[in-house]
């Protein structure tokens, strides 16, 4: 049994519309400021070392980011979230 041309057309129209929505959606982006702002909001000073750690998160070195931040005395959960916010 062949599908009705109307059904095929409707499904094709939905696929095109859904594709347009996906294509026009803005890309998510994070940066160093997302990490440092989060750390400040949790009461931590964003020193040069903290900014360097957040940079590690920005370039994808999450373990290095967390390690540096925890060495500054930042709790592991806060460090992990800060690094996550810097990640691309």
N, C-alpha and C. Protein backbone atom coordinates (compact mmCIF):
# COMPACT_ATOMS: atom_id res chain seq x y z
N UNK A 1 0.84 -1.18 0.00
CA UNK A 1 0.00 0.00 0.00
C UNK A 1 0.89 1.24 0.00
N UNK A 2 0.63 2.14 -0.93
CA UNK A 2 1.40 3.38 -1.05
C UNK A 2 0.81 4.45 -0.13
N UNK A 3 1.70 5.25 0.49
CA UNK A 3 1.18 6.33 1.34
C UNK A 3 0.52 7.41 0.50
N UNK A 4 -0.44 8.05 1.08
CA UNK A 4 -1.17 9.12 0.41
C UNK A 4 -0.21 10.27 0.10
N UNK A 5 -0.32 10.88 -1.08
CA UNK A 5 0.54 12.03 -1.42
C UNK A 5 0.38 13.18 -0.42
N UNK A 6 -0.81 13.31 0.14
CA UNK A 6 -1.03 14.37 1.12
C UNK A 6 -0.18 14.14 2.38
N UNK A 7 -0.14 12.90 2.83
CA UNK A 7 0.65 12.57 4.03
C UNK A 7 2.13 12.80 3.76
N UNK A 8 2.60 12.37 2.60
CA UNK A 8 4.00 12.55 2.24
C UNK A 8 4.34 14.04 2.20
N UNK A 9 3.47 14.83 1.60
CA UNK A 9 3.69 16.28 1.51
C UNK A 9 3.70 16.92 2.89
N UNK A 10 2.78 16.51 3.74
CA UNK A 10 2.71 17.07 5.09
C UNK A 10 3.97 16.73 5.88
N UNK A 11 4.42 15.49 5.79
CA UNK A 11 5.64 15.09 6.49
C UNK A 11 6.86 15.83 5.96
N UNK A 12 6.92 16.01 4.66
CA UNK A 12 8.04 16.75 4.07
C UNK A 12 8.02 18.21 4.55
N UNK A 13 6.84 18.81 4.62
CA UNK A 13 6.73 20.18 5.11
C UNK A 13 7.16 20.29 6.57
N UNK A 14 6.78 19.33 7.38
CA UNK A 14 7.21 19.33 8.79
C UNK A 14 8.72 19.19 8.91
N UNK A 15 9.29 18.32 8.11
CA UNK A 15 10.74 18.11 8.16
C UNK A 15 11.48 19.40 7.78
N UNK A 16 10.98 20.08 6.76
CA UNK A 16 11.62 21.33 6.34
C UNK A 16 11.48 22.40 7.42
N UNK A 17 10.30 22.48 8.02
CA UNK A 17 10.07 23.47 9.07
C UNK A 17 10.95 23.18 10.29
N UNK A 18 11.03 21.92 10.67
CA UNK A 18 11.86 21.55 11.83
C UNK A 18 13.33 21.83 11.53
N UNK A 19 13.76 21.57 10.33
CA UNK A 19 15.14 21.85 9.95
C UNK A 19 15.44 23.34 10.02
N UNK A 20 14.49 24.16 9.63
CA UNK A 20 14.67 25.61 9.71
C UNK A 20 14.81 26.09 11.13
N UNK A 21 14.07 25.48 12.03
CA UNK A 21 14.16 25.86 13.44
C UNK A 21 15.52 25.50 14.00
N UNK A 22 16.00 24.31 13.67
CA UNK A 22 17.31 23.87 14.16
C UNK A 22 18.42 24.74 13.59
N UNK A 23 18.32 25.06 12.31
CA UNK A 23 19.36 25.86 11.67
C UNK A 23 19.38 27.28 12.22
N UNK A 24 18.22 27.84 12.54
CA UNK A 24 18.18 29.22 13.00
C UNK A 24 18.41 29.37 14.50
N UNK A 25 18.51 28.28 15.23
CA UNK A 25 18.74 28.37 16.67
C UNK A 25 20.15 28.92 16.92
N UNK A 26 20.29 29.84 17.87
CA UNK A 26 21.61 30.39 18.14
C UNK A 26 22.53 29.35 18.77
N UNK A 27 23.78 29.43 18.46
CA UNK A 27 24.75 28.50 19.02
C UNK A 27 25.01 28.86 20.48
N UNK A 28 25.08 27.84 21.32
CA UNK A 28 25.41 28.07 22.72
C UNK A 28 26.90 28.40 22.79
N UNK A 29 27.25 29.32 23.64
CA UNK A 29 28.66 29.62 23.76
C UNK A 29 28.96 30.00 25.20
N UNK A 30 30.12 29.65 25.62
CA UNK A 30 30.57 29.97 26.97
C UNK A 30 31.90 30.69 26.84
N UNK A 31 32.30 31.32 27.91
CA UNK A 31 33.60 31.96 27.86
C UNK A 31 34.18 32.07 29.26
N UNK A 32 35.33 32.65 29.30
CA UNK A 32 36.06 32.82 30.55
C UNK A 32 35.22 33.58 31.58
N UNK A 33 34.50 34.59 31.12
CA UNK A 33 33.68 35.40 32.01
C UNK A 33 32.58 34.62 32.71
N UNK A 34 32.04 33.61 32.05
CA UNK A 34 31.01 32.79 32.67
C UNK A 34 31.56 32.06 33.89
N UNK A 35 32.78 31.59 33.77
CA UNK A 35 33.45 30.90 34.87
C UNK A 35 33.77 31.88 36.00
N UNK A 36 34.42 32.98 35.67
CA UNK A 36 34.84 33.91 36.72
C UNK A 36 33.65 34.58 37.40
N UNK A 37 32.61 34.89 36.64
CA UNK A 37 31.41 35.48 37.23
C UNK A 37 30.76 34.51 38.21
N UNK A 38 30.73 33.24 37.83
CA UNK A 38 30.16 32.22 38.73
C UNK A 38 30.98 32.13 40.02
N UNK A 39 32.30 32.12 39.89
CA UNK A 39 33.15 32.04 41.08
C UNK A 39 32.92 33.25 41.99
N UNK A 40 32.82 34.43 41.40
CA UNK A 40 32.55 35.65 42.18
C UNK A 40 31.20 35.56 42.88
N UNK A 41 30.21 35.00 42.19
CA UNK A 41 28.87 34.89 42.78
C UNK A 41 28.85 33.94 43.97
N UNK A 42 29.84 33.06 44.01
CA UNK A 42 29.95 32.12 45.13
C UNK A 42 30.92 32.63 46.19
N UNK A 43 31.38 33.87 46.06
CA UNK A 43 32.20 34.50 47.08
C UNK A 43 33.70 34.33 46.94
N UNK A 44 34.15 33.89 45.77
CA UNK A 44 35.58 33.69 45.57
C UNK A 44 36.16 34.79 44.71
N UNK A 45 37.37 35.21 45.07
CA UNK A 45 38.07 36.23 44.31
C UNK A 45 38.61 35.62 43.02
N UNK A 46 38.48 36.34 41.94
CA UNK A 46 39.00 35.82 40.67
C UNK A 46 40.39 36.41 40.41
N UNK A 47 41.36 35.72 40.93
CA UNK A 47 42.76 36.12 40.77
C UNK A 47 43.25 35.70 39.38
N UNK A 48 44.48 36.05 39.08
CA UNK A 48 45.08 35.61 37.81
C UNK A 48 45.11 34.09 37.72
N UNK A 49 45.38 33.43 38.84
CA UNK A 49 45.42 31.96 38.85
C UNK A 49 44.03 31.40 38.56
N UNK A 50 43.00 32.00 39.14
CA UNK A 50 41.63 31.55 38.89
C UNK A 50 41.25 31.76 37.43
N UNK A 51 41.64 32.91 36.87
CA UNK A 51 41.35 33.16 35.45
C UNK A 51 42.09 32.18 34.55
N UNK A 52 43.33 31.85 34.92
CA UNK A 52 44.08 30.85 34.15
C UNK A 52 43.39 29.50 34.22
N UNK A 53 42.91 29.14 35.41
CA UNK A 53 42.19 27.87 35.56
C UNK A 53 40.94 27.86 34.69
N UNK A 54 40.20 28.97 34.70
CA UNK A 54 39.00 29.06 33.85
C UNK A 54 39.36 28.96 32.38
N UNK A 55 40.51 29.49 32.01
CA UNK A 55 40.98 29.36 30.62
C UNK A 55 41.19 27.89 30.27
N UNK A 56 41.74 27.12 31.23
CA UNK A 56 41.90 25.67 30.99
C UNK A 56 40.54 25.05 30.66
N UNK A 57 39.51 25.45 31.40
CA UNK A 57 38.17 24.94 31.11
C UNK A 57 37.68 25.36 29.75
N UNK A 58 37.99 26.59 29.37
CA UNK A 58 37.57 27.11 28.07
C UNK A 58 38.16 26.32 26.91
N UNK A 59 39.40 25.88 27.06
CA UNK A 59 40.05 25.14 25.97
C UNK A 59 39.84 23.63 26.09
N UNK A 60 39.01 23.21 27.05
CA UNK A 60 38.65 21.80 27.14
C UNK A 60 39.40 20.98 28.16
N UNK A 61 40.27 21.60 28.93
CA UNK A 61 41.03 20.88 29.96
C UNK A 61 40.29 20.99 31.29
N UNK A 62 39.18 20.26 31.40
CA UNK A 62 38.33 20.34 32.58
C UNK A 62 39.05 19.88 33.85
N UNK A 63 39.82 18.82 33.75
CA UNK A 63 40.50 18.32 34.96
C UNK A 63 41.55 19.32 35.43
N UNK A 64 42.27 19.96 34.51
CA UNK A 64 43.25 20.98 34.89
C UNK A 64 42.59 22.18 35.51
N UNK A 65 41.44 22.56 34.99
CA UNK A 65 40.68 23.68 35.52
C UNK A 65 40.25 23.41 36.96
N UNK A 66 39.64 22.26 37.17
CA UNK A 66 39.17 21.90 38.51
C UNK A 66 40.33 21.80 39.48
N UNK A 67 41.41 21.20 39.03
CA UNK A 67 42.59 21.02 39.90
C UNK A 67 43.12 22.38 40.37
N UNK A 68 43.29 23.31 39.43
CA UNK A 68 43.81 24.64 39.78
C UNK A 68 42.87 25.37 40.74
N UNK A 69 41.58 25.30 40.49
CA UNK A 69 40.63 26.01 41.34
C UNK A 69 40.57 25.41 42.74
N UNK A 70 40.61 24.09 42.83
CA UNK A 70 40.56 23.48 44.16
C UNK A 70 41.85 23.76 44.94
N UNK A 71 42.96 23.92 44.24
CA UNK A 71 44.21 24.28 44.92
C UNK A 71 44.14 25.69 45.49
N UNK A 72 43.22 26.50 44.98
CA UNK A 72 43.01 27.85 45.52
C UNK A 72 42.07 27.82 46.73
N UNK A 73 41.57 26.64 47.08
CA UNK A 73 40.66 26.52 48.21
C UNK A 73 39.20 26.58 47.83
N UNK A 74 38.91 26.51 46.56
CA UNK A 74 37.52 26.51 46.08
C UNK A 74 36.99 25.08 46.16
N UNK A 75 35.78 24.94 46.73
CA UNK A 75 35.20 23.61 46.86
C UNK A 75 35.09 22.93 45.51
N UNK A 76 35.22 21.61 45.53
CA UNK A 76 35.21 20.83 44.30
C UNK A 76 33.94 21.06 43.47
N UNK A 77 32.78 21.10 44.13
CA UNK A 77 31.53 21.28 43.39
C UNK A 77 31.46 22.65 42.72
N UNK A 78 31.97 23.68 43.39
CA UNK A 78 31.98 25.03 42.82
C UNK A 78 32.99 25.09 41.67
N UNK A 79 34.15 24.49 41.87
CA UNK A 79 35.18 24.47 40.83
C UNK A 79 34.66 23.74 39.59
N UNK A 80 34.03 22.61 39.80
CA UNK A 80 33.51 21.83 38.68
C UNK A 80 32.47 22.62 37.89
N UNK A 81 31.56 23.29 38.59
CA UNK A 81 30.53 24.08 37.92
C UNK A 81 31.16 25.27 37.18
N UNK A 82 32.12 25.94 37.80
CA UNK A 82 32.79 27.05 37.14
C UNK A 82 33.46 26.61 35.85
N UNK A 83 34.16 25.50 35.92
CA UNK A 83 34.85 24.96 34.74
C UNK A 83 33.85 24.55 33.66
N UNK A 84 32.74 23.99 34.09
CA UNK A 84 31.69 23.60 33.15
C UNK A 84 31.14 24.83 32.42
N UNK A 85 31.00 25.92 33.15
CA UNK A 85 30.48 27.15 32.54
C UNK A 85 31.46 27.76 31.54
N UNK A 86 32.74 27.48 31.69
CA UNK A 86 33.75 28.00 30.75
C UNK A 86 33.85 27.13 29.51
N UNK A 87 33.41 25.88 29.61
CA UNK A 87 33.61 24.93 28.52
C UNK A 87 32.81 25.32 27.28
N UNK A 88 33.40 25.10 26.11
CA UNK A 88 32.70 25.42 24.85
C UNK A 88 31.54 24.47 24.59
